[in-house]
Amino acid sequence: MSEQQNAQIEAPRITREGVIRVADLAKVGLAEEEIEHLQQQLSSILDNIAILSELDTAAIPATAQVIPLSNVFRPDEMTDCLSPGAVLANAPEVYEDSFKIPAVMEEDEALRMDHPAVS
């Protein structure tokens, strides 16, 4: 493709401020060198999308799935269940016929209404 054709297709460049805005929306912190690197990468992606937008797709029907789907589930059949002892045999810790797991948060912390997990 010639340089003149490339100039016609090239999408607008992503600005440094645009990268910072997207990172802020995604709650991602970026180092200074990452901003420049991502600016180049995002601009390149938009350039490629601009090239694809030049394709004539009028004769191509809308497609939701490009390959045929088939049911990959096995038939639902009754089988014998494992005993509680067999299920818990490899558990690191057991408490009254149950798995014992470490607490994720302190009890009083979970009850606070201003905690981030409570919304």
C-alpha atoms as a PDB file:
ATOM      1  CA  MET A   1       0.000   0.000   0.000  1.00  0.00           C
ATOM      2  CA  SER A   2       1.411   3.403  -0.954  1.00  0.00           C
ATOM      3  CA  GLU A   3       2.092   6.142   1.572  1.00  0.00           C
ATOM      4  CA  GLN A   4      -0.627   8.298   0.008  1.00  0.00           C
ATOM      5  CA  GLN A   5      -3.217   5.516   0.425  1.00  0.00           C
ATOM      6  CA  ASN A   6      -2.021   4.973   3.989  1.00  0.00           C
ATOM      7  CA  ALA A   7      -2.519   8.665   4.773  1.00  0.00           C
ATOM      8  CA  GLN A   8      -6.135   8.493   3.557  1.00  0.00           C
ATOM      9  CA  ILE A   9      -6.947   5.484   5.744  1.00  0.00           C
ATOM     10  CA  GLU A  10      -4.977   6.458   8.853  1.00  0.00           C
ATOM     11  CA  ALA A  11      -7.213   7.077  11.867  1.00  0.00           C
ATOM     12  CA  PRO A  12      -6.785  10.017  14.242  1.00  0.00           C
ATOM     13  CA  ARG A  13      -3.913   9.557  16.674  1.00  0.00           C
ATOM     14  CA  ILE A  14      -4.590   8.854  20.321  1.00  0.00           C
ATOM     15  CA  THR A  15      -3.355  11.696  22.482  1.00  0.00           C
ATOM     16  CA  ARG A  16      -1.388  11.337  25.694  1.00  0.00           C
ATOM     17  CA  GLU A  17      -4.410  12.775  27.526  1.00  0.00           C
ATOM     18  CA  GLY A  18      -6.635  10.155  25.893  1.00  0.00           C
ATOM     19  CA  VAL A  19      -4.444   7.338  27.204  1.00  0.00           C
ATOM     20  CA  ILE A  20      -4.458   8.861  30.688  1.00  0.00           C
ATOM     21  CA  ARG A  21      -8.263   9.238  30.558  1.00  0.00           C
ATOM     22  CA  VAL A  22      -8.788   5.606  29.507  1.00  0.00           C
ATOM     23  CA  ALA A  23      -6.373   4.405  32.208  1.00  0.00           C
ATOM     24  CA  ASP A  24      -8.236   6.515  34.771  1.00  0.00           C
ATOM     25  CA  LEU A  25     -11.599   5.060  33.704  1.00  0.00           C
ATOM     26  CA  ALA A  26     -10.139   1.547  33.965  1.00  0.00           C
ATOM     27  CA  LYS A  27      -8.595   2.398  37.352  1.00  0.00           C
ATOM     28  CA  VAL A  28      -5.143   1.471  36.018  1.00  0.00           C
ATOM     29  CA  GLY A  29      -2.031   3.319  37.116  1.00  0.00           C
ATOM     30  CA  LEU A  30       0.543   3.908  34.398  1.00  0.00           C
ATOM     31  CA  ALA A  31       4.203   4.845  34.527  1.00  0.00           C
ATOM     32  CA  GLU A  32       5.348   7.653  32.213  1.00  0.00           C
ATOM     33  CA  GLU A  33       7.003   5.264  29.729  1.00  0.00           C
ATOM     34  CA  GLU A  34       3.854   3.099  29.649  1.00  0.00           C
ATOM     35  CA  ILE A  35       1.737   6.082  28.587  1.00  0.00           C
ATOM     36  CA  GLU A  36       3.883   6.697  25.502  1.00  0.00           C
ATOM     37  CA  HIS A  37       4.019   2.984  24.656  1.00  0.00           C
ATOM     38  CA  LEU A  38       0.235   2.589  24.972  1.00  0.00           C
ATOM     39  CA  GLN A  39      -0.340   5.756  22.969  1.00  0.00           C
ATOM     40  CA  GLN A  40       1.569   4.203  20.061  1.00  0.00           C
ATOM     41  CA  GLN A  41      -0.165   0.832  20.426  1.00  0.00           C
ATOM     42  CA  LEU A  42      -3.690   2.265  20.632  1.00  0.00           C
ATOM     43  CA  SER A  43      -3.042   4.506  17.626  1.00  0.00           C
ATOM     44  CA  SER A  44      -1.817   1.477  15.679  1.00  0.00           C
ATOM     45  CA  ILE A  45      -4.968  -0.449  16.593  1.00  0.00           C
ATOM     46  CA  LEU A  46      -7.151   2.421  15.370  1.00  0.00           C
ATOM     47  CA  ASP A  47      -5.133   2.570  12.133  1.00  0.00           C
ATOM     48  CA  ASN A  48      -5.864  -1.114  11.542  1.00  0.00           C
ATOM     49  CA  ILE A  49      -9.559  -0.610  12.259  1.00  0.00           C
ATOM     50  CA  ALA A  50      -9.601   2.283   9.776  1.00  0.00           C
ATOM     51  CA  ILE A  51      -8.119  -0.023   7.124  1.00  0.00           C
ATOM     52  CA  LEU A  52     -10.787  -2.645   7.837  1.00  0.00           C
ATOM     53  CA  SER A  53     -13.536  -0.029   7.626  1.00  0.00           C
ATOM     54  CA  GLU A  54     -12.559   0.546   3.975  1.00  0.00           C
ATOM     55  CA  LEU A  55     -13.657  -2.994   3.049  1.00  0.00           C
ATOM     56  CA  ASP A  56     -16.888  -3.389   1.093  1.00  0.00           C
ATOM     57  CA  THR A  57     -19.078  -5.602   3.267  1.00  0.00           C
ATOM     58  CA  ALA A  58     -22.407  -4.885   1.526  1.00  0.00           C
ATOM     59  CA  ALA A  59     -22.655  -8.433   0.146  1.00  0.00           C
ATOM     60  CA  ILE A  60     -21.765 -10.094   3.456  1.00  0.00           C
ATOM     61  CA  PRO A  61     -24.779 -10.997   5.621  1.00  0.00           C
ATOM     62  CA  ALA A  62     -24.742 -10.153   9.305  1.00  0.00           C
ATOM     63  CA  THR A  63     -23.384 -13.098  11.268  1.00  0.00           C
ATOM     64  CA  ALA A  64     -23.754 -13.766  14.965  1.00  0.00           C
ATOM     65  CA  GLN A  65     -21.675 -16.955  14.927  1.00  0.00           C
ATOM     66  CA  VAL A  66     -19.097 -17.811  12.270  1.00  0.00           C
ATOM     67  CA  ILE A  67     -18.791 -21.495  13.111  1.00  0.00           C
ATOM     68  CA  PRO A  68     -21.699 -23.852  13.775  1.00  0.00           C
ATOM     69  CA  LEU A  69     -22.488 -24.556  17.415  1.00  0.00           C
ATOM     70  CA  SER A  70     -23.315 -27.961  18.792  1.00  0.00           C
ATOM     71  CA  ASN A  71     -24.381 -29.193  22.194  1.00  0.00           C
ATOM     72  CA  VAL A  72     -21.310 -30.464  24.017  1.00  0.00           C
ATOM     73  CA  PHE A  73     -23.111 -31.478  27.195  1.00  0.00           C
ATOM     74  CA  ARG A  74     -23.272 -35.100  28.221  1.00  0.00           C
ATOM     75  CA  PRO A  75     -26.618 -36.694  29.060  1.00  0.00           C
ATOM     76  CA  ASP A  76     -27.721 -36.090  32.650  1.00  0.00           C
ATOM     77  CA  GLU A  77     -27.479 -39.479  34.362  1.00  0.00           C
ATOM     78  CA  MET A  78     -27.888 -40.461  37.988  1.00  0.00           C
ATOM     79  CA  THR A  79     -24.740 -41.796  39.652  1.00  0.00           C
ATOM     80  CA  ASP A  80     -23.791 -42.661  43.201  1.00  0.00           C
ATOM     81  CA  CYS A  81     -22.754 -39.699  45.342  1.00  0.00           C
ATOM     82  CA  LEU A  82     -19.528 -39.549  47.271  1.00  0.00           C
ATOM     83  CA  SER A  83     -19.785 -39.992  51.007  1.00  0.00           C
ATOM     84  CA  PRO A  84     -18.970 -36.952  53.183  1.00  0.00           C
ATOM     85  CA  GLY A  85     -15.845 -38.765  54.332  1.00  0.00           C
ATOM     86  CA  ALA A  86     -14.661 -39.278  50.749  1.00  0.00           C
ATOM     87  CA  VAL A  87     -15.350 -35.645  49.875  1.00  0.00           C
ATOM     88  CA  LEU A  88     -13.489 -34.353  52.929  1.00  0.00           C
ATOM     89  CA  ALA A  89     -10.616 -36.857  52.693  1.00  0.00           C
ATOM     90  CA  ASN A  90      -8.281 -34.380  50.963  1.00  0.00           C
ATOM     91  CA  ALA A  91      -9.500 -31.231  52.727  1.00  0.00           C
ATOM     92  CA  PRO A  92      -6.693 -29.333  54.471  1.00  0.00           C
ATOM     93  CA  GLU A  93      -8.969 -28.732  57.480  1.00  0.00           C
ATOM     94  CA  VAL A  94     -12.397 -30.064  58.464  1.00  0.00           C
ATOM     95  CA  TYR A  95     -14.967 -28.636  60.873  1.00  0.00           C
ATOM     96  CA  GLU A  96     -18.121 -30.628  61.682  1.00  0.00           C
ATOM     97  CA  ASP A  97     -18.390 -32.484  58.328  1.00  0.00           C
ATOM     98  CA  SER A  98     -17.563 -29.309  56.368  1.00  0.00           C
ATOM     99  CA  PHE A  99     -14.548 -27.692  54.802  1.00  0.00           C
ATOM    100  CA  LYS A 100     -12.870 -25.256  57.184  1.00  0.00           C
ATOM    101  CA  ILE A 101     -11.601 -22.141  55.449  1.00  0.00           C
ATOM    102  CA  PRO A 102      -9.853 -19.046  56.788  1.00  0.00           C
ATOM    103  CA  ALA A 103     -11.979 -15.960  57.360  1.00  0.00           C
ATOM    104  CA  VAL A 104     -11.941 -13.480  54.493  1.00  0.00           C
ATOM    105  CA  MET A 105     -12.704 -10.518  56.753  1.00  0.00           C
ATOM    106  CA  GLU A 106     -13.166  -9.980  60.430  1.00  0.00           C
ATOM    107  CA  GLU A 107     -16.724 -10.386  61.725  1.00  0.00           C
ATOM    108  CA  ASP A 108     -17.043  -6.781  62.962  1.00  0.00           C
ATOM    109  CA  GLU A 109     -15.609  -5.508  59.662  1.00  0.00           C
ATOM    110  CA  ALA A 110     -18.278  -7.353  57.653  1.00  0.00           C
ATOM    111  CA  LEU A 111     -21.046  -5.835  59.761  1.00  0.00           C
ATOM    112  CA  ARG A 112     -19.970  -2.217  59.163  1.00  0.00           C
ATOM    113  CA  MET A 113     -22.341  -0.586  56.694  1.00  0.00           C
ATOM    114  CA  ASP A 114     -19.627   1.711  55.307  1.00  0.00           C
ATOM    115  CA  HIS A 115     -17.422  -1.258  54.329  1.00  0.00           C
ATOM    116  CA  PRO A 116     -16.721  -1.443  50.536  1.00  0.00           C
ATOM    117  CA  ALA A 117     -18.208  -4.958  50.376  1.00  0.00           C
ATOM    118  CA  VAL A 118     -21.568  -3.621  51.603  1.00  0.00           C
ATOM    119  CA  SER A 119     -23.422  -1.719  48.917  1.00  0.00           C
END
